[in-house]
PDB file of all heavy atoms in Angstrom:
ATOM      1  N   LYS A   1      -5.991   9.012   8.941  1.00  0.00           N
ATOM      2  CA  LYS A   1      -7.318   9.334   8.649  1.00  0.00           C
ATOM      3  C   LYS A   1      -7.820   8.419   7.434  1.00  0.00           C
ATOM      4  O   LYS A   1      -6.948   8.130   6.524  1.00  0.00           O
ATOM      5  CB  LYS A   1      -7.538  10.823   8.030  1.00  0.00           C
ATOM      6  CG  LYS A   1      -7.424  11.953   9.035  1.00  0.00           C
ATOM      7  CD  LYS A   1      -7.664  13.298   8.430  1.00  0.00           C
ATOM      8  CE  LYS A   1      -7.758  14.356   9.529  1.00  0.00           C
ATOM      9  NZ  LYS A   1      -7.996  15.687   8.868  1.00  0.00           N
ATOM     10  N   PRO A   2      -9.007   8.086   7.486  1.00  0.00           N
ATOM     11  CA  PRO A   2      -9.372   7.083   6.358  1.00  0.00           C
ATOM     12  C   PRO A   2      -9.226   7.714   4.934  1.00  0.00           C
ATOM     13  O   PRO A   2      -8.915   6.968   4.004  1.00  0.00           O
ATOM     14  CB  PRO A   2     -10.907   6.857   6.650  1.00  0.00           C
ATOM     15  CG  PRO A   2     -11.081   7.150   8.097  1.00  0.00           C
ATOM     16  CD  PRO A   2     -10.071   8.213   8.491  1.00  0.00           C
ATOM     17  N   HIS A   3      -9.266   9.016   4.911  1.00  0.00           N
ATOM     18  CA  HIS A   3      -9.207   9.735   3.507  1.00  0.00           C
ATOM     19  C   HIS A   3      -7.834   9.507   2.988  1.00  0.00           C
ATOM     20  O   HIS A   3      -7.605   9.500   1.751  1.00  0.00           O
ATOM     21  CB  HIS A   3      -9.545  11.190   3.702  1.00  0.00           C
ATOM     22  CG  HIS A   3     -10.768  11.433   4.482  1.00  0.00           C
ATOM     23  ND1 HIS A   3     -10.850  11.527   5.811  1.00  0.00           N
ATOM     24  CD2 HIS A   3     -12.146  11.649   3.932  1.00  0.00           C
ATOM     25  CE1 HIS A   3     -12.128  11.783   6.148  1.00  0.00           C
ATOM     26  NE2 HIS A   3     -12.830  11.851   5.008  1.00  0.00           N
ATOM     27  N   PHE A   4      -6.731   9.363   3.839  1.00  0.00           N
ATOM     28  CA  PHE A   4      -5.402   9.139   3.385  1.00  0.00           C
ATOM     29  C   PHE A   4      -5.244   7.908   2.575  1.00  0.00           C
ATOM     30  O   PHE A   4      -4.223   7.755   1.930  1.00  0.00           O
ATOM     31  CB  PHE A   4      -4.363   9.336   4.539  1.00  0.00           C
ATOM     32  CG  PHE A   4      -4.449  10.636   5.196  1.00  0.00           C
ATOM     33  CD1 PHE A   4      -3.976  10.871   6.455  1.00  0.00           C
ATOM     34  CD2 PHE A   4      -4.957  11.836   4.565  1.00  0.00           C
ATOM     35  CE1 PHE A   4      -3.894  12.100   7.133  1.00  0.00           C
ATOM     36  CE2 PHE A   4      -4.985  13.063   5.182  1.00  0.00           C
ATOM     37  CZ  PHE A   4      -4.507  13.092   6.440  1.00  0.00           C
ATOM     38  N   LEU A   5      -6.119   6.936   2.742  1.00  0.00           N
ATOM     39  CA  LEU A   5      -5.926   5.664   2.070  1.00  0.00           C
ATOM     40  C   LEU A   5      -6.076   5.851   0.454  1.00  0.00           C
ATOM     41  O   LEU A   5      -5.525   5.135  -0.237  1.00  0.00           O
ATOM     42  CB  LEU A   5      -6.993   4.594   2.566  1.00  0.00           C
ATOM     43  CG  LEU A   5      -6.813   4.155   3.995  1.00  0.00           C
ATOM     44  CD1 LEU A   5      -7.916   3.281   4.347  1.00  0.00           C
ATOM     45  CD2 LEU A   5      -5.491   3.483   4.205  1.00  0.00           C
ATOM     46  N   ALA A   6      -6.695   6.969   0.237  1.00  0.00           N
ATOM     47  CA  ALA A   6      -6.778   7.300  -1.273  1.00  0.00           C
ATOM     48  C   ALA A   6      -5.444   7.691  -1.772  1.00  0.00           C
ATOM     49  O   ALA A   6      -5.057   7.225  -2.923  1.00  0.00           O
ATOM     50  CB  ALA A   6      -7.724   8.535  -1.478  1.00  0.00           C
ATOM     51  N   ALA A   7      -4.608   8.360  -0.965  1.00  0.00           N
ATOM     52  CA  ALA A   7      -3.245   8.599  -1.388  1.00  0.00           C
ATOM     53  C   ALA A   7      -2.352   7.402  -1.552  1.00  0.00           C
ATOM     54  O   ALA A   7      -1.652   7.216  -2.575  1.00  0.00           O
ATOM     55  CB  ALA A   7      -2.603   9.575  -0.451  1.00  0.00           C
ATOM     56  N   TRP A   8      -2.618   6.466  -0.621  1.00  0.00           N
ATOM     57  CA  TRP A   8      -1.876   5.200  -0.691  1.00  0.00           C
ATOM     58  C   TRP A   8      -2.216   4.510  -2.024  1.00  0.00           C
ATOM     59  O   TRP A   8      -1.375   3.949  -2.621  1.00  0.00           O
ATOM     60  CB  TRP A   8      -2.134   4.299   0.542  1.00  0.00           C
ATOM     61  CG  TRP A   8      -1.388   3.016   0.608  1.00  0.00           C
ATOM     62  CD1 TRP A   8      -0.065   2.851   0.268  1.00  0.00           C
ATOM     63  CD2 TRP A   8      -1.871   1.818   1.104  1.00  0.00           C
ATOM     64  NE1 TRP A   8       0.356   1.668   0.549  1.00  0.00           N
ATOM     65  CE2 TRP A   8      -0.716   0.865   1.059  1.00  0.00           C
ATOM     66  CE3 TRP A   8      -3.103   1.306   1.650  1.00  0.00           C
ATOM     67  CZ2 TRP A   8      -0.867  -0.456   1.445  1.00  0.00           C
ATOM     68  CZ3 TRP A   8      -3.166   0.057   1.978  1.00  0.00           C
ATOM     69  CH2 TRP A   8      -2.109  -0.823   1.890  1.00  0.00           C
ATOM     70  N   LEU A   9      -3.508   4.498  -2.307  1.00  0.00           N
ATOM     71  CA  LEU A   9      -4.014   3.742  -3.496  1.00  0.00           C
ATOM     72  C   LEU A   9      -3.364   4.320  -4.709  1.00  0.00           C
ATOM     73  O   LEU A   9      -2.887   3.614  -5.688  1.00  0.00           O
ATOM     74  CB  LEU A   9      -5.567   3.779  -3.533  1.00  0.00           C
ATOM     75  CG  LEU A   9      -6.212   3.173  -4.914  1.00  0.00           C
ATOM     76  CD1 LEU A   9      -5.874   1.692  -4.983  1.00  0.00           C
ATOM     77  CD2 LEU A   9      -7.699   3.478  -4.742  1.00  0.00           C
ATOM     78  N   VAL A  10      -3.425   5.700  -4.873  1.00  0.00           N
ATOM     79  CA  VAL A  10      -2.813   6.238  -6.114  1.00  0.00           C
ATOM     80  C   VAL A  10      -1.423   6.101  -6.185  1.00  0.00           C
ATOM     81  O   VAL A  10      -0.810   5.780  -7.263  1.00  0.00           O
ATOM     82  CB  VAL A  10      -3.124   7.859  -5.977  1.00  0.00           C
ATOM     83  CG1 VAL A  10      -2.384   8.564  -7.195  1.00  0.00           C
ATOM     84  CG2 VAL A  10      -4.635   8.144  -6.052  1.00  0.00           C
ATOM     85  N   VAL A  11      -0.662   6.038  -4.992  1.00  0.00           N
ATOM     86  CA  VAL A  11       0.848   5.781  -5.056  1.00  0.00           C
ATOM     87  C   VAL A  11       1.114   4.358  -5.513  1.00  0.00           C
ATOM     88  O   VAL A  11       1.991   4.131  -6.367  1.00  0.00           O
ATOM     89  CB  VAL A  11       1.425   5.999  -3.608  1.00  0.00           C
ATOM     90  CG1 VAL A  11       2.773   5.292  -3.502  1.00  0.00           C
ATOM     91  CG2 VAL A  11       1.492   7.471  -3.218  1.00  0.00           C
ATOM     92  N   GLU A  12       0.262   3.425  -5.128  1.00  0.00           N
ATOM     93  CA  GLU A  12       0.463   2.000  -5.482  1.00  0.00           C
ATOM     94  C   GLU A  12       0.153   1.740  -6.926  1.00  0.00           C
ATOM     95  O   GLU A  12       0.810   1.046  -7.626  1.00  0.00           O
ATOM     96  CB  GLU A  12      -0.251   1.071  -4.596  1.00  0.00           C
ATOM     97  CG  GLU A  12       0.380   0.922  -3.202  1.00  0.00           C
ATOM     98  CD  GLU A  12       1.802   0.620  -3.218  1.00  0.00           C
ATOM     99  OE1 GLU A  12       2.270  -0.104  -3.966  1.00  0.00           O
ATOM    100  OE2 GLU A  12       2.536   1.221  -2.383  1.00  0.00           O
ATOM    101  N   VAL A  13      -0.846   2.474  -7.423  1.00  0.00           N
ATOM    102  CA  VAL A  13      -1.137   2.443  -8.879  1.00  0.00           C
ATOM    103  C   VAL A  13      -0.046   2.905  -9.691  1.00  0.00           C
ATOM    104  O   VAL A  13       0.404   2.413 -10.655  1.00  0.00           O
ATOM    105  CB  VAL A  13      -2.545   3.120  -9.133  1.00  0.00           C
ATOM    106  CG1 VAL A  13      -2.697   3.227 -10.656  1.00  0.00           C
ATOM    107  CG2 VAL A  13      -3.657   2.271  -8.546  1.00  0.00           C
ATOM    108  N   ALA A  14       0.558   4.046  -9.309  1.00  0.00           N
ATOM    109  CA  ALA A  14       1.644   4.665  -9.998  1.00  0.00           C
ATOM    110  C   ALA A  14       2.842   3.737  -9.930  1.00  0.00           C
ATOM    111  O   ALA A  14       3.589   3.637 -10.907  1.00  0.00           O
ATOM    112  CB  ALA A  14       1.982   5.987  -9.289  1.00  0.00           C
ATOM    113  N   ALA A  15       3.079   3.055  -8.891  1.00  0.00           N
ATOM    114  CA  ALA A  15       4.249   2.084  -8.763  1.00  0.00           C
ATOM    115  C   ALA A  15       3.978   0.893  -9.713  1.00  0.00           C
ATOM    116  O   ALA A  15       4.937   0.472 -10.253  1.00  0.00           O
ATOM    117  CB  ALA A  15       4.375   1.668  -7.290  1.00  0.00           C
ATOM    118  N   LEU A  16       2.821   0.490  -9.715  1.00  0.00           N
ATOM    119  CA  LEU A  16       2.398  -0.614 -10.631  1.00  0.00           C
ATOM    120  C   LEU A  16       2.665  -0.274 -12.029  1.00  0.00           C
ATOM    121  O   LEU A  16       3.295  -1.080 -12.842  1.00  0.00           O
ATOM    122  CB  LEU A  16       1.025  -1.056 -10.417  1.00  0.00           C
ATOM    123  CG  LEU A  16       0.503  -2.279 -11.219  1.00  0.00           C
ATOM    124  CD1 LEU A  16       1.271  -3.456 -10.885  1.00  0.00           C
ATOM    125  CD2 LEU A  16      -1.035  -2.481 -11.078  1.00  0.00           C
ATOM    126  N   VAL A  17       2.320   0.907 -12.432  1.00  0.00           N
ATOM    127  CA  VAL A  17       2.514   1.359 -13.858  1.00  0.00           C
ATOM    128  C   VAL A  17       3.961   1.509 -14.206  1.00  0.00           C
ATOM    129  O   VAL A  17       4.461   1.214 -15.220  1.00  0.00           O
ATOM    130  CB  VAL A  17       1.805   2.600 -14.161  1.00  0.00           C
ATOM    131  CG1 VAL A  17       2.128   3.287 -15.488  1.00  0.00           C
ATOM    132  CG2 VAL A  17       0.182   2.449 -13.968  1.00  0.00           C
ATOM    133  N   ALA A  18       4.731   2.066 -13.168  1.00  0.00           N
ATOM    134  CA  ALA A  18       6.122   2.300 -13.400  1.00  0.00           C
ATOM    135  C   ALA A  18       7.028   1.145 -13.367  1.00  0.00           C
ATOM    136  O   ALA A  18       7.973   1.012 -14.063  1.00  0.00           O
ATOM    137  CB  ALA A  18       6.629   3.385 -12.472  1.00  0.00           C
ATOM    138  N   ARG A  19       6.678   0.125 -12.443  1.00  0.00           N
ATOM    139  CA  ARG A  19       7.564  -1.001 -12.217  1.00  0.00           C
ATOM    140  C   ARG A  19       6.967  -2.316 -12.524  1.00  0.00           C
ATOM    141  O   ARG A  19       7.639  -3.374 -12.417  1.00  0.00           O
ATOM    142  CB  ARG A  19       7.963  -0.981 -10.765  1.00  0.00           C
ATOM    143  CG  ARG A  19       8.689   0.396 -10.368  1.00  0.00           C
ATOM    144  CD  ARG A  19       8.840   0.553  -8.787  1.00  0.00           C
ATOM    145  NE  ARG A  19       9.820  -0.568  -8.406  1.00  0.00           N
ATOM    146  CZ  ARG A  19      10.202  -0.676  -7.130  1.00  0.00           C
ATOM    147  NH1 ARG A  19       9.727   0.163  -6.241  1.00  0.00           N
ATOM    148  NH2 ARG A  19      10.967  -1.588  -6.725  1.00  0.00           N
ATOM    149  N   GLY A  20       5.723  -2.405 -12.873  1.00  0.00           N
ATOM    150  CA  GLY A  20       5.137  -3.742 -13.193  1.00  0.00           C
ATOM    151  C   GLY A  20       4.656  -4.421 -11.934  1.00  0.00           C
ATOM    152  O   GLY A  20       4.656  -3.869 -10.788  1.00  0.00           O
ATOM    153  N   ALA A  21       4.338  -5.644 -12.145  1.00  0.00           N
ATOM    154  CA  ALA A  21       3.754  -6.511 -10.942  1.00  0.00           C
ATOM    155  C   ALA A  21       4.772  -6.663  -9.865  1.00  0.00           C
ATOM    156  O   ALA A  21       4.358  -6.906  -8.708  1.00  0.00           O
ATOM    157  CB  ALA A  21       3.305  -7.837 -11.547  1.00  0.00           C
ATOM    158  N   ARG A  22       6.042  -6.571 -10.140  1.00  0.00           N
ATOM    159  CA  ARG A  22       6.985  -6.759  -9.000  1.00  0.00           C
ATOM    160  C   ARG A  22       6.852  -5.679  -7.973  1.00  0.00           C
ATOM    161  O   ARG A  22       7.396  -5.764  -6.792  1.00  0.00           O
ATOM    162  CB  ARG A  22       8.472  -6.710  -9.611  1.00  0.00           C
ATOM    163  CG  ARG A  22       8.790  -5.548 -10.297  1.00  0.00           C
ATOM    164  CD  ARG A  22      10.124  -5.678 -11.130  1.00  0.00           C
ATOM    165  NE  ARG A  22      10.468  -4.499 -11.817  1.00  0.00           N
ATOM    166  CZ  ARG A  22      11.337  -3.540 -11.531  1.00  0.00           C
ATOM    167  NH1 ARG A  22      11.905  -3.753 -10.283  1.00  0.00           N
ATOM    168  NH2 ARG A  22      11.546  -2.586 -12.266  1.00  0.00           N
ATOM    169  N   SER A  23       6.206  -4.534  -8.198  1.00  0.00           N
ATOM    170  CA  SER A  23       5.963  -3.462  -7.301  1.00  0.00           C
ATOM    171  C   SER A  23       5.198  -3.896  -6.076  1.00  0.00           C
ATOM    172  O   SER A  23       5.144  -3.297  -5.076  1.00  0.00           O
ATOM    173  CB  SER A  23       5.407  -2.250  -7.831  1.00  0.00           C
ATOM    174  OG  SER A  23       4.013  -2.520  -8.238  1.00  0.00           O
ATOM    175  N   TRP A  24       4.455  -5.021  -6.317  1.00  0.00           N
ATOM    176  CA  TRP A  24       3.489  -5.511  -5.277  1.00  0.00           C
ATOM    177  C   TRP A  24       4.202  -6.480  -4.229  1.00  0.00           C
ATOM    178  O   TRP A  24       3.598  -6.842  -3.347  1.00  0.00           O
ATOM    179  CB  TRP A  24       2.315  -6.179  -5.977  1.00  0.00           C
ATOM    180  CG  TRP A  24       1.466  -5.269  -6.628  1.00  0.00           C
ATOM    181  CD1 TRP A  24       1.521  -4.895  -7.982  1.00  0.00           C
ATOM    182  CD2 TRP A  24       0.379  -4.596  -6.102  1.00  0.00           C
ATOM    183  NE1 TRP A  24       0.579  -4.006  -8.278  1.00  0.00           N
ATOM    184  CE2 TRP A  24      -0.171  -3.796  -7.148  1.00  0.00           C
ATOM    185  CE3 TRP A  24      -0.224  -4.467  -4.891  1.00  0.00           C
ATOM    186  CZ2 TRP A  24      -1.237  -2.922  -7.005  1.00  0.00           C
ATOM    187  CZ3 TRP A  24      -1.378  -3.696  -4.663  1.00  0.00           C
ATOM    188  CH2 TRP A  24      -1.912  -2.842  -5.768  1.00  0.00           C
ATOM    189  N   ILE A  25       5.470  -6.805  -4.434  1.00  0.00           N
ATOM    190  CA  ILE A  25       6.154  -7.680  -3.546  1.00  0.00           C
ATOM    191  C   ILE A  25       7.252  -7.031  -2.755  1.00  0.00           C
ATOM    192  O   ILE A  25       8.121  -7.561  -2.298  1.00  0.00           O
ATOM    193  CB  ILE A  25       6.728  -8.948  -4.282  1.00  0.00           C
ATOM    194  CG1 ILE A  25       7.776  -8.458  -5.426  1.00  0.00           C
ATOM    195  CG2 ILE A  25       5.572  -9.724  -4.879  1.00  0.00           C
ATOM    196  CD1 ILE A  25       8.328  -9.575  -6.073  1.00  0.00           C
ATOM    197  N   ARG A  26       7.107  -5.642  -2.604  1.00  0.00           N
ATOM    198  CA  ARG A  26       8.127  -4.880  -1.822  1.00  0.00           C
ATOM    199  C   ARG A  26       7.839  -5.144  -0.429  1.00  0.00           C
ATOM    200  O   ARG A  26       6.695  -5.172   0.094  1.00  0.00           O
ATOM    201  CB  ARG A  26       7.959  -3.399  -2.275  1.00  0.00           C
ATOM    202  CG  ARG A  26       8.091  -3.087  -3.692  1.00  0.00           C
ATOM    203  CD  ARG A  26       7.954  -1.677  -4.068  1.00  0.00           C
ATOM    204  NE  ARG A  26       7.303  -0.789  -3.165  1.00  0.00           N
ATOM    205  CZ  ARG A  26       6.091  -0.340  -3.286  1.00  0.00           C
ATOM    206  NH1 ARG A  26       5.282  -0.927  -4.306  1.00  0.00           N
ATOM    207  NH2 ARG A  26       5.531   0.479  -2.515  1.00  0.00           N
ATOM    208  N   MET A  27       8.889  -5.200   0.432  1.00  0.00           N
ATOM    209  CA  MET A  27       8.802  -5.488   1.832  1.00  0.00           C
ATOM    210  C   MET A  27       8.090  -4.309   2.466  1.00  0.00           C
ATOM    211  O   MET A  27       7.252  -4.495   3.404  1.00  0.00           O
ATOM    212  CB  MET A  27      10.222  -5.593   2.472  1.00  0.00           C
ATOM    213  CG  MET A  27      10.152  -5.865   3.930  1.00  0.00           C
ATOM    214  SD  MET A  27      11.702  -5.856   4.791  1.00  0.00           S
ATOM    215  CE  MET A  27      12.382  -7.337   4.120  1.00  0.00           C
ATOM    216  N   GLU A  28       8.262  -3.044   1.995  1.00  0.00           N
ATOM    217  CA  GLU A  28       7.675  -1.973   2.713  1.00  0.00           C
ATOM    218  C   GLU A  28       6.244  -1.895   2.318  1.00  0.00           C
ATOM    219  O   GLU A  28       5.378  -1.471   3.145  1.00  0.00           O
ATOM    220  CB  GLU A  28       8.382  -0.643   2.272  1.00  0.00           C
ATOM    221  CG  GLU A  28       8.291  -0.305   0.673  1.00  0.00           C
ATOM    222  CD  GLU A  28       9.607  -0.843  -0.043  1.00  0.00           C
ATOM    223  OE1 GLU A  28      10.162  -1.916   0.533  1.00  0.00           O
ATOM    224  OE2 GLU A  28       9.857  -0.312  -1.090  1.00  0.00           O
ATOM    225  N   LEU A  29       5.782  -2.430   1.197  1.00  0.00           N
ATOM    226  CA  LEU A  29       4.379  -2.428   0.942  1.00  0.00           C
ATOM    227  C   LEU A  29       3.670  -3.483   1.802  1.00  0.00           C
ATOM    228  O   LEU A  29       2.539  -3.235   2.325  1.00  0.00           O
ATOM    229  CB  LEU A  29       4.058  -2.853  -0.537  1.00  0.00           C
ATOM    230  CG  LEU A  29       2.637  -3.125  -0.917  1.00  0.00           C
ATOM    231  CD1 LEU A  29       1.705  -1.984  -0.645  1.00  0.00           C
ATOM    232  CD2 LEU A  29       2.669  -3.517  -2.356  1.00  0.00           C
ATOM    233  N   VAL A  30       4.320  -4.660   1.967  1.00  0.00           N
ATOM    234  CA  VAL A  30       3.771  -5.714   2.818  1.00  0.00           C
ATOM    235  C   VAL A  30       3.688  -5.208   4.283  1.00  0.00           C
ATOM    236  O   VAL A  30       2.686  -5.488   5.010  1.00  0.00           O
ATOM    237  CB  VAL A  30       4.606  -6.950   2.756  1.00  0.00           C
ATOM    238  CG1 VAL A  30       4.143  -8.056   3.829  1.00  0.00           C
ATOM    239  CG2 VAL A  30       4.603  -7.598   1.329  1.00  0.00           C
ATOM    240  N   ALA A  31       4.736  -4.603   4.760  1.00  0.00           N
ATOM    241  CA  ALA A  31       4.738  -4.016   6.132  1.00  0.00           C
ATOM    242  C   ALA A  31       3.541  -2.930   6.254  1.00  0.00           C
ATOM    243  O   ALA A  31       2.906  -2.901   7.400  1.00  0.00           O
ATOM    244  CB  ALA A  31       6.056  -3.441   6.434  1.00  0.00           C
ATOM    245  N   ALA A  32       3.473  -2.021   5.249  1.00  0.00           N
ATOM    246  CA  ALA A  32       2.408  -1.059   5.285  1.00  0.00           C
ATOM    247  C   ALA A  32       1.022  -1.682   5.452  1.00  0.00           C
ATOM    248  O   ALA A  32       0.118  -1.268   6.187  1.00  0.00           O
ATOM    249  CB  ALA A  32       2.453  -0.079   4.204  1.00  0.00           C
ATOM    250  N   ALA A  33       0.777  -2.644   4.537  1.00  0.00           N
ATOM    251  CA  ALA A  33      -0.526  -3.288   4.548  1.00  0.00           C
ATOM    252  C   ALA A  33      -0.817  -4.040   5.795  1.00  0.00           C
ATOM    253  O   ALA A  33      -1.883  -4.031   6.444  1.00  0.00           O
ATOM    254  CB  ALA A  33      -0.546  -4.239   3.390  1.00  0.00           C
ATOM    255  N   ALA A  34       0.185  -4.737   6.459  1.00  0.00           N
ATOM    256  CA  ALA A  34       0.039  -5.355   7.634  1.00  0.00           C
ATOM    257  C   ALA A  34      -0.228  -4.448   8.850  1.00  0.00           C
ATOM    258  O   ALA A  34      -1.038  -4.758   9.642  1.00  0.00           O
ATOM    259  CB  ALA A  34       1.338  -6.261   7.923  1.00  0.00           C
ATOM    260  N   THR A  35       0.448  -3.280   8.815  1.00  0.00           N
ATOM    261  CA  THR A  35       0.182  -2.187   9.853  1.00  0.00           C
ATOM    262  C   THR A  35      -1.268  -1.709   9.766  1.00  0.00           C
ATOM    263  O   THR A  35      -1.864  -1.618  10.834  1.00  0.00           O
ATOM    264  CB  THR A  35       1.154  -1.174   9.789  1.00  0.00           C
ATOM    265  OG1 THR A  35       2.582  -1.620   9.798  1.00  0.00           O
ATOM    266  CG2 THR A  35       1.002   0.011  10.782  1.00  0.00           C
ATOM    267  N   ILE A  36      -1.744  -1.506   8.586  1.00  0.00           N
ATOM    268  CA  ILE A  36      -3.071  -0.949   8.463  1.00  0.00           C
ATOM    269  C   ILE A  36      -4.140  -2.011   8.955  1.00  0.00           C
ATOM    270  O   ILE A  36      -5.040  -1.699   9.624  1.00  0.00           O
ATOM    271  CB  ILE A  36      -3.347  -0.485   6.990  1.00  0.00           C
ATOM    272  CG1 ILE A  36      -2.439   0.696   6.692  1.00  0.00           C
ATOM    273  CG2 ILE A  36      -4.822  -0.224   6.746  1.00  0.00           C
ATOM    274  CD1 ILE A  36      -2.470   1.146   5.276  1.00  0.00           C
ATOM    275  N   ALA A  37      -3.860  -3.192   8.496  1.00  0.00           N
ATOM    276  CA  ALA A  37      -4.769  -4.326   8.967  1.00  0.00           C
ATOM    277  C   ALA A  37      -4.752  -4.556  10.457  1.00  0.00           C
ATOM    278  O   ALA A  37      -5.793  -4.677  11.107  1.00  0.00           O
ATOM    279  CB  ALA A  37      -4.421  -5.667   8.244  1.00  0.00           C
ATOM    280  N   ALA A  38      -3.521  -4.466  11.006  1.00  0.00           N
ATOM    281  CA  ALA A  38      -3.437  -4.625  12.540  1.00  0.00           C
ATOM    282  C   ALA A  38      -4.199  -3.449  13.258  1.00  0.00           C
ATOM    283  O   ALA A  38      -4.864  -3.656  14.261  1.00  0.00           O
ATOM    284  CB  ALA A  38      -2.044  -4.698  12.954  1.00  0.00           C
ATOM    285  N   TYR A  39      -4.086  -2.259  12.664  1.00  0.00           N
ATOM    286  CA  TYR A  39      -4.761  -1.039  13.209  1.00  0.00           C
ATOM    287  C   TYR A  39      -6.334  -1.311  13.218  1.00  0.00           C
ATOM    288  O   TYR A  39      -7.018  -1.037  14.146  1.00  0.00           O
ATOM    289  CB  TYR A  39      -4.316   0.145  12.552  1.00  0.00           C
ATOM    290  CG  TYR A  39      -5.187   1.348  12.832  1.00  0.00           C
ATOM    291  CD1 TYR A  39      -5.359   1.774  14.103  1.00  0.00           C
ATOM    292  CD2 TYR A  39      -5.934   2.026  11.866  1.00  0.00           C
ATOM    293  CE1 TYR A  39      -6.063   2.884  14.485  1.00  0.00           C
ATOM    294  CE2 TYR A  39      -6.649   3.114  12.064  1.00  0.00           C
ATOM    295  CZ  TYR A  39      -6.734   3.539  13.410  1.00  0.00           C
ATOM    296  OH  TYR A  39      -7.638   4.701  13.627  1.00  0.00           O
ATOM    297  N   GLY A  40      -6.812  -1.778  12.043  1.00  0.00           N
ATOM    298  CA  GLY A  40      -8.236  -1.942  11.984  1.00  0.00           C
ATOM    299  C   GLY A  40      -8.675  -2.933  13.092  1.00  0.00           C
ATOM    300  O   GLY A  40      -9.692  -2.738  13.595  1.00  0.00           O
ATOM    301  N   VAL A  41      -7.943  -4.121  13.150  1.00  0.00           N
ATOM    302  CA  VAL A  41      -8.395  -5.098  14.226  1.00  0.00           C
ATOM    303  C   VAL A  41      -8.342  -4.420  15.619  1.00  0.00           C
ATOM    304  O   VAL A  41      -9.097  -4.711  16.461  1.00  0.00           O
ATOM    305  CB  VAL A  41      -7.412  -6.255  14.092  1.00  0.00           C
ATOM    306  CG1 VAL A  41      -7.673  -7.235  15.255  1.00  0.00           C
ATOM    307  CG2 VAL A  41      -7.675  -7.011  12.763  1.00  0.00           C
ATOM    308  N   ALA A  42      -7.222  -3.648  15.828  1.00  0.00           N
ATOM    309  CA  ALA A  42      -7.124  -3.021  17.213  1.00  0.00           C
ATOM    310  C   ALA A  42      -8.249  -2.143  17.556  1.00  0.00           C
ATOM    311  O   ALA A  42      -8.745  -2.124  18.708  1.00  0.00           O
ATOM    312  CB  ALA A  42      -5.793  -2.305  17.281  1.00  0.00           C
TER     313      ALA A  42
END
């Protein structure tokens, strides 16, 4: 659901606060972002 993207955003903000900028280079984050982008194109 588009509304669930709000949960993803809050989780990533929390990860950024807890772990710093390195939280943005996690493989699972890249895979999640790529999956959501591929779904939008599909």
